[in-house]
Amino acid sequence: MRRKALTRAKQIKRTVKLVTNQSILPNETPEGEEIPMRGWDISIYLVGPDGEELPANCFEKVVYVLHESFGKRAKQTIKTPPFMIKEKGWGEFDMLITLTPIGAPKGGDQTLQHDLNFAQERYESTHSVVFRNPKPELLKILQESGPAGDANGATTTGTSKAPKRKPASRNVDMDKLAEALPQLSEDDLLQVVQMVHDNKTEETYTKNDLENGEFHVDLYTLPDNLIKMLWDFTSSRVDMSVLS
């Protein structure tokens, strides 16, 4: 029996490394100018379990938002790792970098702020990012760079202390329900948790994992009326027909 987790999401954490290189372009600095023209580039990698540099192939694109003085080049989209952007200019500035995971999951974009400065010719910065309820394709890629767990926030246990029983006939696809629940918004998930608390029975298995921000419930231990409530609520917000 699998014990399903209703969570803010199954959280898989990774560290992203931004590598910046910059140098003076002597032949492109106008005569008489005190501030030299510089060429710079930024590349993006993942940091592996042992600190190694890995391809950031869990992202399908990266969008750089530069200073408005770059005009039409102020917003640039790169779709191939290491997602390198190459530019030139004379000024330092803060930029926004948005990382879109494989499959472009709703609400999955990670936006980082990066300080472009000329204090060193090469410097690195790291950022922690979180993937919530990754789909199988993304999950498989994440497993190449470290621990990733199971898809869709499901956890698997060999046994359960909760009583086992066969689900009654309730016109509910339990697998689809388990897959759809983690796709709900934060507000909707809070409503689901409240519904479970208000309608659970002595047979219902629940676990509130405060440390990891997860609420676990074994769907097969819920009463029939609650299963139907969860199905109606979730199917009104998630397209069940596209789920496997």
C-alpha atoms as a PDB file:
ATOM      1  CA  MET A   1       0.000   0.000   0.000  1.00  0.00           C
ATOM      2  CA  ARG A   2       1.394   3.360  -0.889  1.00  0.00           C
ATOM      3  CA  ARG A   3       0.968   6.169   1.518  1.00  0.00           C
ATOM      4  CA  LYS A   4       0.177   9.364  -0.357  1.00  0.00           C
ATOM      5  CA  ALA A   5       1.522  12.709   0.740  1.00  0.00           C
ATOM      6  CA  LEU A   6      -0.516  15.880   0.446  1.00  0.00           C
ATOM      7  CA  THR A   7       2.234  18.411   0.643  1.00  0.00           C
ATOM      8  CA  ARG A   8       3.001  21.920  -0.259  1.00  0.00           C
ATOM      9  CA  ALA A   9       4.892  19.716  -2.578  1.00  0.00           C
ATOM     10  CA  LYS A  10       7.457  17.009  -2.583  1.00  0.00           C
ATOM     11  CA  GLN A  11      10.462  19.273  -2.290  1.00  0.00           C
ATOM     12  CA  ILE A  12      13.676  18.458  -4.111  1.00  0.00           C
ATOM     13  CA  LYS A  13      16.426  20.945  -3.424  1.00  0.00           C
ATOM     14  CA  ARG A  14      19.363  21.769  -5.644  1.00  0.00           C
ATOM     15  CA  THR A  15      22.123  24.362  -5.595  1.00  0.00           C
ATOM     16  CA  VAL A  16      22.587  26.491  -8.697  1.00  0.00           C
ATOM     17  CA  LYS A  17      25.960  28.061  -9.408  1.00  0.00           C
ATOM     18  CA  LEU A  18      26.344  31.231 -11.465  1.00  0.00           C
ATOM     19  CA  VAL A  19      29.822  31.716 -12.934  1.00  0.00           C
ATOM     20  CA  THR A  20      30.669  35.238 -14.111  1.00  0.00           C
ATOM     21  CA  ASN A  21      33.700  36.204 -16.188  1.00  0.00           C
ATOM     22  CA  GLN A  22      34.589  39.773 -17.123  1.00  0.00           C
ATOM     23  CA  SER A  23      37.543  41.644 -18.613  1.00  0.00           C
ATOM     24  CA  ILE A  24      38.435  45.033 -20.108  1.00  0.00           C
ATOM     25  CA  LEU A  25      38.085  45.454 -23.883  1.00  0.00           C
ATOM     26  CA  PRO A  26      40.890  47.940 -24.582  1.00  0.00           C
ATOM     27  CA  ASN A  27      40.150  48.245 -28.288  1.00  0.00           C
ATOM     28  CA  GLU A  28      36.506  49.143 -27.654  1.00  0.00           C
ATOM     29  CA  THR A  29      36.993  51.862 -25.052  1.00  0.00           C
ATOM     30  CA  PRO A  30      36.586  55.324 -26.636  1.00  0.00           C
ATOM     31  CA  GLU A  31      39.571  57.627 -26.280  1.00  0.00           C
ATOM     32  CA  GLY A  32      39.267  60.031 -23.393  1.00  0.00           C
ATOM     33  CA  GLU A  33      36.774  57.841 -21.526  1.00  0.00           C
ATOM     34  CA  GLU A  34      37.719  57.114 -17.923  1.00  0.00           C
ATOM     35  CA  ILE A  35      35.471  54.075 -17.578  1.00  0.00           C
ATOM     36  CA  PRO A  36      36.633  51.186 -19.793  1.00  0.00           C
ATOM     37  CA  MET A  37      34.348  48.981 -21.841  1.00  0.00           C
ATOM     38  CA  ARG A  38      34.165  45.431 -20.520  1.00  0.00           C
ATOM     39  CA  GLY A  39      33.094  42.123 -21.965  1.00  0.00           C
ATOM     40  CA  TRP A  40      31.295  39.746 -19.616  1.00  0.00           C
ATOM     41  CA  ASP A  41      29.541  36.405 -19.640  1.00  0.00           C
ATOM     42  CA  ILE A  42      27.487  34.350 -17.187  1.00  0.00           C
ATOM     43  CA  SER A  43      27.019  30.561 -17.205  1.00  0.00           C
ATOM     44  CA  ILE A  44      24.740  28.419 -15.039  1.00  0.00           C
ATOM     45  CA  TYR A  45      25.491  25.024 -13.500  1.00  0.00           C
ATOM     46  CA  LEU A  46      24.207  22.690 -10.798  1.00  0.00           C
ATOM     47  CA  VAL A  47      26.374  21.813  -7.811  1.00  0.00           C
ATOM     48  CA  GLY A  48      26.600  18.037  -7.331  1.00  0.00           C
ATOM     49  CA  PRO A  49      26.579  16.109  -4.029  1.00  0.00           C
ATOM     50  CA  ASP A  50      30.389  16.299  -3.809  1.00  0.00           C
ATOM     51  CA  GLY A  51      30.615  19.932  -4.892  1.00  0.00           C
ATOM     52  CA  GLU A  52      31.251  19.078  -8.528  1.00  0.00           C
ATOM     53  CA  GLU A  53      29.986  21.248 -11.366  1.00  0.00           C
ATOM     54  CA  LEU A  54      27.149  19.587 -13.311  1.00  0.00           C
ATOM     55  CA  PRO A  55      25.095  20.645 -16.354  1.00  0.00           C
ATOM     56  CA  ALA A  56      21.909  22.451 -15.371  1.00  0.00           C
ATOM     57  CA  ASN A  57      19.885  20.287 -17.766  1.00  0.00           C
ATOM     58  CA  CYS A  58      16.910  20.253 -15.383  1.00  0.00           C
ATOM     59  CA  PHE A  59      16.009  23.636 -16.879  1.00  0.00           C
ATOM     60  CA  GLU A  60      14.599  24.080 -20.371  1.00  0.00           C
ATOM     61  CA  LYS A  61      15.327  27.793 -20.634  1.00  0.00           C
ATOM     62  CA  VAL A  62      16.803  30.757 -18.782  1.00  0.00           C
ATOM     63  CA  VAL A  63      15.633  34.344 -19.160  1.00  0.00           C
ATOM     64  CA  TYR A  64      18.047  37.172 -18.309  1.00  0.00           C
ATOM     65  CA  VAL A  65      16.594  40.604 -17.579  1.00  0.00           C
ATOM     66  CA  LEU A  66      19.380  43.172 -17.897  1.00  0.00           C
ATOM     67  CA  HIS A  67      19.549  46.919 -17.299  1.00  0.00           C
ATOM     68  CA  GLU A  68      17.128  48.909 -19.437  1.00  0.00           C
ATOM     69  CA  SER A  69      20.070  50.643 -21.141  1.00  0.00           C
ATOM     70  CA  PHE A  70      20.595  47.441 -23.150  1.00  0.00           C
ATOM     71  CA  GLY A  71      17.447  48.297 -25.119  1.00  0.00           C
ATOM     72  CA  LYS A  72      16.172  45.405 -27.206  1.00  0.00           C
ATOM     73  CA  ARG A  73      18.801  43.150 -25.626  1.00  0.00           C
ATOM     74  CA  ALA A  74      17.580  43.866 -22.094  1.00  0.00           C
ATOM     75  CA  LYS A  75      15.623  40.598 -22.068  1.00  0.00           C
ATOM     76  CA  GLN A  76      17.342  37.526 -23.476  1.00  0.00           C
ATOM     77  CA  THR A  77      16.243  33.877 -23.498  1.00  0.00           C
ATOM     78  CA  ILE A  78      18.815  31.073 -23.648  1.00  0.00           C
ATOM     79  CA  LYS A  79      17.663  27.481 -24.183  1.00  0.00           C
ATOM     80  CA  THR A  80      20.855  25.419 -24.128  1.00  0.00           C
ATOM     81  CA  PRO A  81      23.061  24.568 -21.094  1.00  0.00           C
ATOM     82  CA  PRO A  82      25.175  26.143 -19.716  1.00  0.00           C
ATOM     83  CA  PHE A  83      22.763  28.971 -20.648  1.00  0.00           C
ATOM     84  CA  MET A  84      25.634  31.367 -21.289  1.00  0.00           C
ATOM     85  CA  ILE A  85      24.912  35.014 -21.975  1.00  0.00           C
ATOM     86  CA  LYS A  86      27.703  37.163 -23.452  1.00  0.00           C
ATOM     87  CA  GLU A  87      27.505  40.943 -23.439  1.00  0.00           C
ATOM     88  CA  LYS A  88      29.598  44.061 -23.089  1.00  0.00           C
ATOM     89  CA  GLY A  89      29.181  47.351 -21.301  1.00  0.00           C
ATOM     90  CA  TRP A  90      30.834  49.699 -18.865  1.00  0.00           C
ATOM     91  CA  GLY A  91      28.443  49.612 -15.903  1.00  0.00           C
ATOM     92  CA  GLU A  92      27.693  47.310 -12.984  1.00  0.00           C
ATOM     93  CA  PHE A  93      24.062  46.464 -12.191  1.00  0.00           C
ATOM     94  CA  ASP A  94      21.701  43.923 -10.616  1.00  0.00           C
ATOM     95  CA  MET A  95      19.848  41.630 -12.978  1.00  0.00           C
ATOM     96  CA  LEU A  96      17.047  39.081 -12.677  1.00  0.00           C
ATOM     97  CA  ILE A  97      17.551  35.541 -13.954  1.00  0.00           C
ATOM     98  CA  THR A  98      14.509  33.275 -14.314  1.00  0.00           C
ATOM     99  CA  LEU A  99      15.055  29.518 -14.602  1.00  0.00           C
ATOM    100  CA  THR A 100      12.253  27.439 -16.104  1.00  0.00           C
ATOM    101  CA  PRO A 101      12.332  23.689 -15.268  1.00  0.00           C
ATOM    102  CA  ILE A 102      11.857  20.987 -17.896  1.00  0.00           C
ATOM    103  CA  GLY A 103       8.169  20.763 -18.773  1.00  0.00           C
ATOM    104  CA  ALA A 104       7.551  24.361 -17.656  1.00  0.00           C
ATOM    105  CA  PRO A 105       5.397  23.348 -14.647  1.00  0.00           C
ATOM    106  CA  LYS A 106       2.907  25.949 -13.467  1.00  0.00           C
ATOM    107  CA  GLY A 107       4.485  27.994 -10.688  1.00  0.00           C
ATOM    108  CA  GLY A 108       7.818  26.217 -11.155  1.00  0.00           C
ATOM    109  CA  ASP A 109       9.949  29.138 -12.336  1.00  0.00           C
ATOM    110  CA  GLN A 110      12.887  30.064 -10.110  1.00  0.00           C
ATOM    111  CA  THR A 111      13.905  33.740 -10.179  1.00  0.00           C
ATOM    112  CA  LEU A 112      17.361  34.717  -8.943  1.00  0.00           C
ATOM    113  CA  GLN A 113      18.924  38.132  -8.433  1.00  0.00           C
ATOM    114  CA  HIS A 114      22.488  38.452  -9.678  1.00  0.00           C
ATOM    115  CA  ASP A 115      24.985  41.212  -8.963  1.00  0.00           C
ATOM    116  CA  LEU A 116      27.083  41.940 -12.043  1.00  0.00           C
ATOM    117  CA  ASN A 117      30.215  43.638 -10.782  1.00  0.00           C
ATOM    118  CA  PHE A 118      33.792  44.150 -11.925  1.00  0.00           C
ATOM    119  CA  ALA A 119      35.646  43.568  -8.650  1.00  0.00           C
ATOM    120  CA  GLN A 120      37.117  40.276  -9.939  1.00  0.00           C
ATOM    121  CA  GLU A 121      37.729  38.853 -13.389  1.00  0.00           C
ATOM    122  CA  ARG A 122      35.946  35.655 -12.391  1.00  0.00           C
ATOM    123  CA  TYR A 123      33.564  35.035  -9.513  1.00  0.00           C
ATOM    124  CA  GLU A 124      30.906  32.533  -8.520  1.00  0.00           C
ATOM    125  CA  SER A 125      27.664  32.739  -6.570  1.00  0.00           C
ATOM    126  CA  THR A 126      25.350  29.954  -5.445  1.00  0.00           C
ATOM    127  CA  HIS A 127      21.606  29.892  -4.947  1.00  0.00           C
ATOM    128  CA  SER A 128      19.297  27.263  -3.466  1.00  0.00           C
ATOM    129  CA  VAL A 129      16.317  26.296  -5.622  1.00  0.00           C
ATOM    130  CA  VAL A 130      13.390  23.998  -4.861  1.00  0.00           C
ATOM    131  CA  PHE A 131      11.462  21.781  -7.282  1.00  0.00           C
ATOM    132  CA  ARG A 132       7.955  20.951  -6.040  1.00  0.00           C
ATOM    133  CA  ASN A 133       6.207  17.787  -7.237  1.00  0.00           C
ATOM    134  CA  PRO A 134       8.349  17.259 -10.334  1.00  0.00           C
ATOM    135  CA  LYS A 135       6.797  15.297 -13.165  1.00  0.00           C
ATOM    136  CA  PRO A 136       8.473  12.011 -14.175  1.00  0.00           C
ATOM    137  CA  GLU A 137      10.564  13.588 -16.967  1.00  0.00           C
ATOM    138  CA  LEU A 138      11.979  16.264 -14.678  1.00  0.00           C
ATOM    139  CA  LEU A 139      12.332  13.841 -11.772  1.00  0.00           C
ATOM    140  CA  LYS A 140      14.453  11.494 -13.886  1.00  0.00           C
ATOM    141  CA  ILE A 141      16.818  14.342 -14.767  1.00  0.00           C
ATOM    142  CA  LEU A 142      17.025  15.509 -11.149  1.00  0.00           C
ATOM    143  CA  GLN A 143      18.011  12.000 -10.071  1.00  0.00           C
ATOM    144  CA  GLU A 144      21.203  12.452 -12.107  1.00  0.00           C
ATOM    145  CA  SER A 145      22.375  15.247  -9.816  1.00  0.00           C
ATOM    146  CA  GLY A 146      21.477  13.931  -6.355  1.00  0.00           C
ATOM    147  CA  PRO A 147      18.747  12.418  -4.166  1.00  0.00           C
ATOM    148  CA  ALA A 148      15.300  12.992  -5.644  1.00  0.00           C
ATOM    149  CA  GLY A 149      12.804  10.534  -4.126  1.00  0.00           C
ATOM    150  CA  ASP A 150       9.606   9.473  -5.904  1.00  0.00           C
ATOM    151  CA  ALA A 151       7.466  11.388  -8.366  1.00  0.00           C
ATOM    152  CA  ASN A 152       4.427  13.454  -7.466  1.00  0.00           C
ATOM    153  CA  GLY A 153       5.303  13.710  -3.798  1.00  0.00           C
ATOM    154  CA  ALA A 154       4.399  10.092  -3.116  1.00  0.00           C
ATOM    155  CA  THR A 155       6.313   8.198  -0.489  1.00  0.00           C
ATOM    156  CA  THR A 156       6.431   4.435  -0.421  1.00  0.00           C
ATOM    157  CA  THR A 157       6.453   2.368   2.734  1.00  0.00           C
ATOM    158  CA  GLY A 158       6.546  -1.371   3.145  1.00  0.00           C
ATOM    159  CA  THR A 159       3.882  -1.539   5.811  1.00  0.00           C
ATOM    160  CA  SER A 160       1.358   0.745   7.411  1.00  0.00           C
ATOM    161  CA  LYS A 161       0.071   0.718  10.925  1.00  0.00           C
ATOM    162  CA  ALA A 162      -3.259   1.989   9.673  1.00  0.00           C
ATOM    163  CA  PRO A 163      -5.927  -0.661   9.034  1.00  0.00           C
ATOM    164  CA  LYS A 164      -6.097  -1.885   5.451  1.00  0.00           C
ATOM    165  CA  ARG A 165      -9.352  -2.100   3.596  1.00  0.00           C
ATOM    166  CA  LYS A 166     -10.481  -2.358   0.018  1.00  0.00           C
ATOM    167  CA  PRO A 167     -11.868   0.876  -1.373  1.00  0.00           C
ATOM    168  CA  ALA A 168     -15.614   0.920  -1.825  1.00  0.00           C
ATOM    169  CA  SER A 169     -17.217   1.582  -5.182  1.00  0.00           C
ATOM    170  CA  ARG A 170     -17.174   5.359  -5.314  1.00  0.00           C
ATOM    171  CA  ASN A 171     -16.471   6.239  -8.972  1.00  0.00           C
ATOM    172  CA  VAL A 172     -13.107   7.663  -7.979  1.00  0.00           C
ATOM    173  CA  ASP A 173      -9.790   6.891  -9.627  1.00  0.00           C
ATOM    174  CA  MET A 174      -7.523   6.771  -6.576  1.00  0.00           C
ATOM    175  CA  ASP A 175      -4.291   6.941  -8.592  1.00  0.00           C
ATOM    176  CA  LYS A 176      -5.456  10.047 -10.429  1.00  0.00           C
ATOM    177  CA  LEU A 177      -6.579  11.619  -7.180  1.00  0.00           C
ATOM    178  CA  ALA A 178      -3.155  10.947  -5.633  1.00  0.00           C
ATOM    179  CA  GLU A 179      -1.438  12.474  -8.672  1.00  0.00           C
ATOM    180  CA  ALA A 180      -3.718  15.514  -8.828  1.00  0.00           C
ATOM    181  CA  LEU A 181      -3.699  16.559  -5.176  1.00  0.00           C
ATOM    182  CA  PRO A 182      -0.079  17.829  -5.115  1.00  0.00           C
ATOM    183  CA  GLN A 183      -0.821  19.967  -8.185  1.00  0.00           C
ATOM    184  CA  LEU A 184      -3.244  22.141  -6.231  1.00  0.00           C
ATOM    185  CA  SER A 185      -2.296  25.640  -5.195  1.00  0.00           C
ATOM    186  CA  GLU A 186      -1.121  26.418  -1.672  1.00  0.00           C
ATOM    187  CA  ASP A 187      -4.535  27.805  -0.712  1.00  0.00           C
ATOM    188  CA  ASP A 188      -6.357  24.790  -2.142  1.00  0.00           C
ATOM    189  CA  LEU A 189      -4.027  22.403  -0.325  1.00  0.00           C
ATOM    190  CA  LEU A 190      -4.827  24.110   2.948  1.00  0.00           C
ATOM    191  CA  GLN A 191      -8.531  23.536   2.251  1.00  0.00           C
ATOM    192  CA  VAL A 192      -7.839  19.856   1.547  1.00  0.00           C
ATOM    193  CA  VAL A 193      -5.950  19.458   4.814  1.00  0.00           C
ATOM    194  CA  GLN A 194      -8.845  21.098   6.655  1.00  0.00           C
ATOM    195  CA  MET A 195     -11.349  18.795   4.936  1.00  0.00           C
ATOM    196  CA  VAL A 196      -9.331  15.765   6.026  1.00  0.00           C
ATOM    197  CA  HIS A 197      -9.132  16.981   9.615  1.00  0.00           C
ATOM    198  CA  ASP A 198     -12.853  17.743   9.746  1.00  0.00           C
ATOM    199  CA  ASN A 199     -14.023  14.435   8.251  1.00  0.00           C
ATOM    200  CA  LYS A 200     -11.446  11.793   9.208  1.00  0.00           C
ATOM    201  CA  THR A 201     -12.309   8.709  11.248  1.00  0.00           C
ATOM    202  CA  GLU A 202     -10.374   6.609  13.736  1.00  0.00           C
ATOM    203  CA  GLU A 203      -9.119   4.502  10.814  1.00  0.00           C
ATOM    204  CA  THR A 204      -7.617   7.479   9.003  1.00  0.00           C
ATOM    205  CA  TYR A 205      -3.840   7.653   8.927  1.00  0.00           C
ATOM    206  CA  THR A 206      -2.367  11.166   8.895  1.00  0.00           C
ATOM    207  CA  LYS A 207       1.018  12.604   9.745  1.00  0.00           C
ATOM    208  CA  ASN A 208       1.910  16.277   9.977  1.00  0.00           C
ATOM    209  CA  ASP A 209       5.616  16.649   9.143  1.00  0.00           C
ATOM    210  CA  LEU A 210       6.286  20.204  10.286  1.00  0.00           C
ATOM    211  CA  GLU A 211      10.040  20.003   9.706  1.00  0.00           C
ATOM    212  CA  ASN A 212       9.630  19.322   5.991  1.00  0.00           C
ATOM    213  CA  GLY A 213       6.374  21.239   5.558  1.00  0.00           C
ATOM    214  CA  GLU A 214       4.420  18.140   4.538  1.00  0.00           C
ATOM    215  CA  PHE A 215       1.073  16.654   5.457  1.00  0.00           C
ATOM    216  CA  HIS A 216       0.798  12.907   4.803  1.00  0.00           C
ATOM    217  CA  VAL A 217      -2.405  10.929   4.521  1.00  0.00           C
ATOM    218  CA  ASP A 218      -3.127   7.382   3.426  1.00  0.00           C
ATOM    219  CA  LEU A 219      -5.980   7.885   0.961  1.00  0.00           C
ATOM    220  CA  TYR A 220      -7.171   4.320   1.385  1.00  0.00           C
ATOM    221  CA  THR A 221      -7.943   4.924   5.065  1.00  0.00           C
ATOM    222  CA  LEU A 222     -10.299   7.839   4.367  1.00  0.00           C
ATOM    223  CA  PRO A 223     -14.080   7.373   4.643  1.00  0.00           C
ATOM    224  CA  ASP A 224     -16.033   7.150   1.389  1.00  0.00           C
ATOM    225  CA  ASN A 225     -17.753  10.497   1.803  1.00  0.00           C
ATOM    226  CA  LEU A 226     -14.406  12.262   2.278  1.00  0.00           C
ATOM    227  CA  ILE A 227     -12.902  10.546  -0.768  1.00  0.00           C
ATOM    228  CA  LYS A 228     -15.831  11.821  -2.844  1.00  0.00           C
ATOM    229  CA  MET A 229     -15.426  15.337  -1.400  1.00  0.00           C
ATOM    230  CA  LEU A 230     -11.722  15.366  -2.250  1.00  0.00           C
ATOM    231  CA  TRP A 231     -12.401  14.060  -5.763  1.00  0.00           C
ATOM    232  CA  ASP A 232     -15.057  16.684  -6.492  1.00  0.00           C
ATOM    233  CA  PHE A 233     -12.916  19.478  -5.065  1.00  0.00           C
ATOM    234  CA  THR A 234      -9.727  18.445  -6.883  1.00  0.00           C
ATOM    235  CA  SER A 235     -11.346  17.654 -10.242  1.00  0.00           C
ATOM    236  CA  SER A 236     -12.863  21.146 -10.262  1.00  0.00           C
ATOM    237  CA  ARG A 237      -9.318  22.564 -10.219  1.00  0.00           C
ATOM    238  CA  VAL A 238      -7.211  19.957 -12.047  1.00  0.00           C
ATOM    239  CA  ASP A 239      -7.916  18.429 -15.467  1.00  0.00           C
ATOM    240  CA  MET A 240      -8.103  14.753 -14.545  1.00  0.00           C
ATOM    241  CA  SER A 241      -8.339  13.675 -18.192  1.00  0.00           C
ATOM    242  CA  VAL A 242      -4.678  14.505 -18.850  1.00  0.00           C
ATOM    243  CA  LEU A 243      -3.389  12.479 -15.904  1.00  0.00           C
ATOM    244  CA  SER A 244      -2.016   8.992 -16.408  1.00  0.00           C
END
